[in-house]
Amino acid sequence: MTHELPVVPPALDPTTLTRAARAAALARRELIRVRRGVLVASPNGPDAARARHAEVLAEVRGVLERLSTPFWFSHSTAALLWGCWSWRLPPEAHVTQLSHPHISERFDGALRRHRAALPPADRAELDGVPVVSLERAVVDCARTLCPDSGLVVADSALRLGASRAGLERIVAAAAGKRGIVQARSVLALADERSESPGETLVRYAAHRAGAPPPTPQLSVPTSAGTFRLDLAWPDVCVGVEFDGAIKYSDEFGDPVQRLLAEKRRHDALVDAGWWIVRVSWEELHDLEALGTKLLRARRARSISAS
């Protein structure tokens, strides 16, 4: 699957601004200092998640400009560089090194260093940036992030073409190490059919609540045509629709027409015997409550059908 990789911002050429101009740009937050002597344009984004992505990419530039010992970006930073989805992305840059850093390079609060063996198969390069392989990034995230965040990375990595055989090899090599039991659990739940971080988190909430695994992207025939449900339990005809706000933005055409089309779709699914549960972005911040909501819907549907 082809996709556009995130862009690491360039460092400012110090000769393009006078010292006074640099100081003024820093004061106005037009520039930020990511390392001593390394300035980049102030990171920003259209929403909090993309702004955090921009902040981490700025840290990546700082590391590239100043870290002299061999390293590979790893963990959540590598996942970001590979173009994976993220959920609650940590603010620091992560690197893996084969040996302990030089004393002069040890103290950096915005950089997380990991010392570990890194076989050649787990090393890669993206546009000149040293990075661990996609599969290694997934396993590292599954071991160290919260399970919901790790699953978001894993689902998206599989969509990008991550090899399950490669994941299994890395997990087997890390047997007995910290976090590997969690990593196995996360990877067992991973599914490349998920089409957004929201869908992944809804699926994880259902898992935590004890519900059977829902089927992603289930096609349902109706009198108005065949529609795909984000997630579904065919045994009780309960479907889950994740309502990302972007679905009703101008990016997908006239929002009013989108809403009308969505209503027609909803009505057709209900007429076909389906119970539709809608989930919003806000509900993703309390997965326990969301899981309870999904489980109740399944139970209520089972009772009404009996």
Protein backbone atom coordinates (compact mmCIF):
# COMPACT_ATOMS: atom_id res chain seq x y z
CA MET A 1 0.00 0.00 0.00
CA THR A 2 1.54 3.31 -1.08
CA HIS A 3 1.31 6.23 1.31
CA GLU A 4 2.95 9.56 1.95
CA LEU A 5 5.56 9.54 4.69
CA PRO A 6 5.71 12.38 7.24
CA VAL A 7 8.24 15.09 6.42
CA VAL A 8 11.00 15.92 8.88
CA PRO A 9 11.31 19.74 8.90
CA PRO A 10 14.62 21.23 7.75
CA ALA A 11 16.90 23.07 10.13
CA LEU A 12 17.14 26.83 9.63
CA ASP A 13 20.29 28.05 7.91
CA PRO A 14 21.69 30.36 10.62
CA THR A 15 23.15 32.70 8.02
CA THR A 16 19.70 33.70 6.74
CA LEU A 17 18.79 35.71 9.85
CA THR A 18 20.64 38.18 12.04
CA ARG A 19 20.94 37.43 15.74
CA ALA A 20 18.26 40.04 16.48
CA ALA A 21 15.91 38.58 13.87
CA ARG A 22 16.39 35.09 15.28
CA ALA A 23 15.67 36.31 18.79
CA ALA A 24 12.51 38.06 17.62
CA ALA A 25 11.30 34.97 15.72
CA LEU A 26 11.92 32.81 18.79
CA ALA A 27 10.02 35.25 20.99
CA ARG A 28 7.07 35.19 18.59
CA ARG A 29 7.24 31.35 18.49
CA GLU A 30 7.74 31.46 14.74
CA LEU A 31 10.89 29.42 15.33
CA ILE A 32 11.75 26.96 18.08
CA ARG A 33 15.14 25.76 19.29
CA VAL A 34 15.07 21.94 19.28
CA ARG A 35 18.75 21.58 20.15
CA ARG A 36 21.55 24.00 20.82
CA GLY A 37 22.19 25.76 17.53
CA VAL A 38 19.32 23.96 15.77
CA LEU A 39 16.23 26.00 14.90
CA VAL A 40 13.15 24.86 12.96
CA ALA A 41 9.91 26.53 11.98
CA SER A 42 7.42 26.37 14.82
CA PRO A 43 5.52 23.07 14.54
CA ASN A 44 1.77 23.27 14.30
CA GLY A 45 -1.16 21.33 12.94
CA PRO A 46 -4.89 21.61 12.27
CA ASP A 47 -5.68 19.63 15.42
CA ALA A 48 -3.99 18.51 18.63
CA ALA A 49 -2.90 15.14 17.22
CA ARG A 50 -1.22 16.62 14.14
CA ALA A 51 0.37 19.35 16.22
CA ARG A 52 1.94 16.65 18.41
CA HIS A 53 3.16 14.85 15.29
CA ALA A 54 4.81 18.08 14.14
CA GLU A 55 6.47 18.53 17.54
CA VAL A 56 7.96 15.03 17.44
CA LEU A 57 9.17 15.53 13.86
CA ALA A 58 10.89 18.73 14.99
CA GLU A 59 12.63 16.70 17.71
CA VAL A 60 13.71 14.24 15.03
CA ARG A 61 15.46 17.06 13.18
CA GLY A 62 17.23 18.10 16.36
CA VAL A 63 18.50 14.57 16.95
CA LEU A 64 19.66 14.23 13.34
CA GLU A 65 21.65 17.45 13.60
CA ARG A 66 23.33 16.81 16.95
CA LEU A 67 23.57 13.11 17.86
CA SER A 68 26.93 11.74 16.72
CA THR A 69 26.91 8.13 17.94
CA PRO A 70 25.18 5.60 15.65
CA PHE A 71 21.43 5.37 16.26
CA TRP A 72 18.12 4.42 14.71
CA PHE A 73 14.84 6.12 15.49
CA SER A 74 12.63 3.56 17.19
CA HIS A 75 9.44 2.89 19.15
CA SER A 76 6.66 5.45 18.62
CA THR A 77 8.99 7.81 16.71
CA ALA A 78 9.77 5.12 14.15
CA ALA A 79 6.07 4.29 13.87
CA LEU A 80 5.37 7.96 13.11
CA LEU A 81 8.15 8.12 10.51
CA TRP A 82 6.77 5.00 8.80
CA GLY A 83 3.37 6.71 8.55
CA CYS A 84 1.53 4.66 11.17
CA TRP A 85 -1.47 5.99 13.05
CA SER A 86 -0.95 7.08 16.64
CA TRP A 87 -3.04 7.52 19.74
CA ARG A 88 -1.68 9.74 22.53
CA LEU A 89 1.72 9.97 20.88
CA PRO A 90 4.52 10.48 23.46
CA PRO A 91 6.15 13.93 23.09
CA GLU A 92 9.76 12.78 23.02
CA ALA A 93 11.86 11.25 20.27
CA HIS A 94 13.01 7.64 20.75
CA VAL A 95 16.24 6.14 19.42
CA THR A 96 17.81 2.72 19.78
CA GLN A 97 21.59 2.44 20.04
CA LEU A 98 23.89 -0.55 20.18
CA SER A 99 26.01 0.85 23.01
CA HIS A 100 25.83 3.39 25.81
CA PRO A 101 25.93 7.04 24.63
CA HIS A 102 28.92 9.29 25.10
CA ILE A 103 28.91 11.12 28.43
CA SER A 104 28.51 14.46 26.62
CA GLU A 105 25.33 13.20 24.96
CA ARG A 106 23.55 11.54 27.87
CA PHE A 107 21.46 14.34 29.28
CA ASP A 108 18.62 15.31 27.00
CA GLY A 109 15.11 15.43 28.43
CA ALA A 110 13.43 15.39 25.00
CA LEU A 111 15.20 12.22 23.87
CA ARG A 112 14.55 8.65 25.05
CA ARG A 113 17.45 6.29 24.40
CA HIS A 114 17.16 2.52 24.29
CA ARG A 115 20.21 0.26 24.29
CA ALA A 116 19.46 -3.00 22.54
CA ALA A 117 20.70 -5.45 19.96
CA LEU A 118 19.46 -4.45 16.54
CA PRO A 119 19.99 -7.11 13.86
CA PRO A 120 20.54 -5.83 10.31
CA ALA A 121 17.05 -7.09 9.40
CA ASP A 122 15.61 -4.64 11.94
CA ARG A 123 17.40 -1.61 10.51
CA ALA A 124 16.16 0.62 7.70
CA GLU A 125 16.44 4.11 6.23
CA LEU A 126 13.69 6.50 5.16
CA ASP A 127 14.81 9.43 3.02
CA GLY A 128 18.23 9.30 4.67
CA VAL A 129 16.82 8.99 8.20
CA PRO A 130 18.01 5.92 10.16
CA VAL A 131 15.02 4.07 11.54
CA VAL A 132 14.18 0.60 12.78
CA SER A 133 12.13 -1.59 10.49
CA LEU A 134 8.37 -1.22 10.44
CA GLU A 135 7.97 -4.58 12.16
CA ARG A 136 10.49 -3.70 14.89
CA ALA A 137 8.69 -0.40 15.52
CA VAL A 138 5.38 -2.24 15.92
CA VAL A 139 6.77 -4.73 18.44
CA ASP A 140 8.56 -1.99 20.40
CA CYS A 141 5.31 0.00 20.59
CA ALA A 142 3.28 -3.08 21.54
CA ARG A 143 5.75 -3.73 24.38
CA THR A 144 6.01 -0.22 25.78
CA LEU A 145 2.87 1.78 24.99
CA CYS A 146 -0.53 1.31 26.61
CA PRO A 147 -2.30 -1.57 24.83
CA ASP A 148 -4.81 0.71 23.09
CA SER A 149 -2.04 2.90 21.66
CA GLY A 150 0.00 -0.15 20.69
CA LEU A 151 -2.97 -1.67 18.88
CA VAL A 152 -3.56 1.53 16.89
CA VAL A 153 0.05 1.33 15.67
CA ALA A 154 -0.21 -2.39 14.92
CA ASP A 155 -3.45 -2.14 12.92
CA SER A 156 -2.10 0.67 10.76
CA ALA A 157 1.27 -1.06 10.26
CA LEU A 158 -0.47 -4.17 8.95
CA ARG A 159 -2.42 -1.93 6.55
CA LEU A 160 0.93 -0.50 5.40
CA GLY A 161 2.26 -3.97 4.67
CA ALA A 162 4.01 -5.05 7.87
CA SER A 163 4.88 -8.74 7.74
CA ARG A 164 3.23 -10.95 10.34
CA ALA A 165 6.10 -13.39 9.94
CA GLY A 166 8.51 -10.54 10.69
CA LEU A 167 6.53 -9.56 13.76
CA GLU A 168 6.57 -13.15 15.00
CA ARG A 169 10.34 -13.37 14.48
CA ILE A 170 10.99 -10.23 16.53
CA VAL A 171 8.61 -11.32 19.29
CA ALA A 172 10.27 -14.74 19.47
CA ALA A 173 13.72 -13.15 19.72
CA ALA A 174 12.52 -10.99 22.64
CA ALA A 175 11.03 -13.90 24.63
CA GLY A 176 11.27 -13.27 28.35
CA LYS A 177 11.94 -9.55 28.03
CA ARG A 178 9.84 -6.81 29.62
CA GLY A 179 6.57 -6.14 27.87
CA ILE A 180 6.68 -9.13 25.53
CA VAL A 181 3.61 -10.77 27.07
CA GLN A 182 1.64 -7.58 26.46
CA ALA A 183 3.05 -7.38 22.93
CA ARG A 184 1.78 -10.88 22.13
CA SER A 185 -1.70 -9.92 23.37
CA VAL A 186 -1.74 -6.72 21.34
CA LEU A 187 -0.53 -8.39 18.15
CA ALA A 188 -3.10 -11.17 18.54
CA LEU A 189 -5.81 -8.49 18.34
CA ALA A 190 -4.28 -6.58 15.41
CA ASP A 191 -6.37 -6.47 12.24
CA GLU A 192 -5.44 -4.77 8.97
CA ARG A 193 -9.13 -4.34 8.10
CA SER A 194 -9.42 -1.43 10.53
CA GLU A 195 -9.76 1.79 8.53
CA SER A 196 -9.09 4.40 11.22
CA PRO A 197 -7.66 4.75 14.74
CA GLY A 198 -11.21 5.29 15.96
CA GLU A 199 -12.37 1.94 14.64
CA THR A 200 -9.38 0.25 16.27
CA LEU A 201 -10.16 1.82 19.64
CA VAL A 202 -13.84 0.85 19.42
CA ARG A 203 -12.77 -2.72 18.74
CA TYR A 204 -10.38 -2.63 21.69
CA ALA A 205 -13.10 -1.23 23.98
CA ALA A 206 -15.34 -4.14 23.01
CA HIS A 207 -12.52 -6.59 23.73
CA ARG A 208 -11.89 -5.07 27.16
CA ALA A 209 -15.57 -5.34 27.99
CA GLY A 210 -15.58 -9.04 27.23
CA ALA A 211 -17.60 -8.90 24.02
CA PRO A 212 -16.79 -11.36 21.23
CA PRO A 213 -14.62 -9.91 18.46
CA PRO A 214 -16.67 -7.80 16.03
CA THR A 215 -16.17 -8.20 12.30
CA PRO A 216 -14.56 -5.13 10.68
CA GLN A 217 -15.95 -3.74 7.42
CA LEU A 218 -18.88 -6.14 7.09
CA SER A 219 -20.92 -5.75 3.89
CA VAL A 220 -24.68 -5.76 4.54
CA PRO A 221 -27.25 -6.00 1.70
CA THR A 222 -30.31 -3.74 2.07
CA SER A 223 -33.19 -2.56 -0.11
CA ALA A 224 -31.17 0.59 -0.84
CA GLY A 225 -28.00 -1.24 -1.80
CA THR A 226 -25.08 -2.90 -0.01
CA PHE A 227 -23.43 -0.94 2.79
CA ARG A 228 -20.35 -1.61 4.86
CA LEU A 229 -20.48 -1.38 8.62
CA ASP A 230 -17.33 -0.24 10.42
CA LEU A 231 -17.75 -3.09 12.91
CA ALA A 232 -20.49 -5.65 13.33
CA TRP A 233 -21.71 -8.64 15.30
CA PRO A 234 -23.66 -10.60 12.66
CA ASP A 235 -24.88 -13.12 15.24
CA VAL A 236 -27.12 -10.46 16.84
CA CYS A 237 -27.32 -8.00 13.89
CA VAL A 238 -25.63 -5.19 15.84
CA GLY A 239 -23.50 -2.80 13.83
CA VAL A 240 -21.15 -0.10 15.07
CA GLU A 241 -20.54 3.12 13.15
CA PHE A 242 -17.67 5.35 14.17
CA ASP A 243 -18.71 8.94 13.47
CA GLY A 244 -15.48 10.79 12.83
CA ALA A 245 -16.31 14.47 12.37
CA ILE A 246 -14.34 14.53 9.11
CA LYS A 247 -17.07 12.41 7.49
CA TYR A 248 -19.33 15.47 7.57
CA SER A 249 -16.73 18.10 6.66
CA ASP A 250 -16.35 19.91 3.33
CA GLU A 251 -13.55 17.50 2.42
CA PHE A 252 -16.16 14.90 1.46
CA GLY A 253 -18.55 17.28 -0.31
CA ASP A 254 -21.65 19.11 0.84
CA PRO A 255 -22.09 18.32 4.58
CA VAL A 256 -25.89 18.56 4.32
CA GLN A 257 -25.99 16.03 1.49
CA ARG A 258 -23.60 13.80 3.45
CA LEU A 259 -25.92 13.87 6.44
CA LEU A 260 -28.96 13.08 4.30
CA ALA A 261 -27.14 10.19 2.64
CA GLU A 262 -26.08 8.90 6.05
CA LYS A 263 -29.69 9.00 7.26
CA ARG A 264 -30.87 7.05 4.22
CA ARG A 265 -28.12 4.53 4.83
CA HIS A 266 -29.04 4.23 8.51
CA ASP A 267 -32.73 3.75 7.75
CA ALA A 268 -31.96 1.07 5.17
CA LEU A 269 -29.81 -0.86 7.64
CA VAL A 270 -32.53 -0.65 10.32
CA ASP A 271 -35.15 -1.84 7.83
CA ALA A 272 -32.84 -4.78 7.07
CA GLY A 273 -33.00 -5.78 10.73
CA TRP A 274 -29.81 -4.17 12.07
CA TRP A 275 -29.38 -2.28 15.34
CA ILE A 276 -26.87 0.51 14.79
CA VAL A 277 -24.69 1.87 17.61
CA ARG A 278 -22.97 5.17 16.89
CA VAL A 279 -19.69 6.12 18.55
CA SER A 280 -18.09 9.59 18.59
CA TRP A 281 -14.48 10.69 19.06
CA GLU A 282 -15.32 11.98 22.54
CA GLU A 283 -16.30 8.49 23.67
CA LEU A 284 -12.83 7.17 22.86
CA HIS A 285 -11.44 8.96 25.92
CA ASP A 286 -13.29 6.55 28.23
CA LEU A 287 -12.89 3.07 26.78
CA GLU A 288 -14.39 1.41 29.84
CA ALA A 289 -17.65 3.34 29.45
CA LEU A 290 -17.60 2.72 25.71
CA GLY A 291 -17.11 -1.00 26.22
CA THR A 292 -20.07 -1.07 28.60
CA LYS A 293 -22.20 0.71 26.01
CA LEU A 294 -21.30 -1.84 23.32
CA LEU A 295 -21.87 -4.81 25.59
CA ARG A 296 -25.28 -3.48 26.64
CA ALA A 297 -26.27 -3.06 23.01
CA ARG A 298 -25.37 -6.69 22.29
CA ARG A 299 -27.29 -7.92 25.32
CA ALA A 300 -30.34 -5.78 24.61
CA ARG A 301 -30.43 -7.00 21.04
CA SER A 302 -30.13 -10.62 22.18
CA ILE A 303 -33.04 -10.19 24.60
CA SER A 304 -35.27 -8.46 22.04
CA ALA A 305 -34.59 -11.17 19.49
CA SER A 306 -35.39 -14.03 21.89
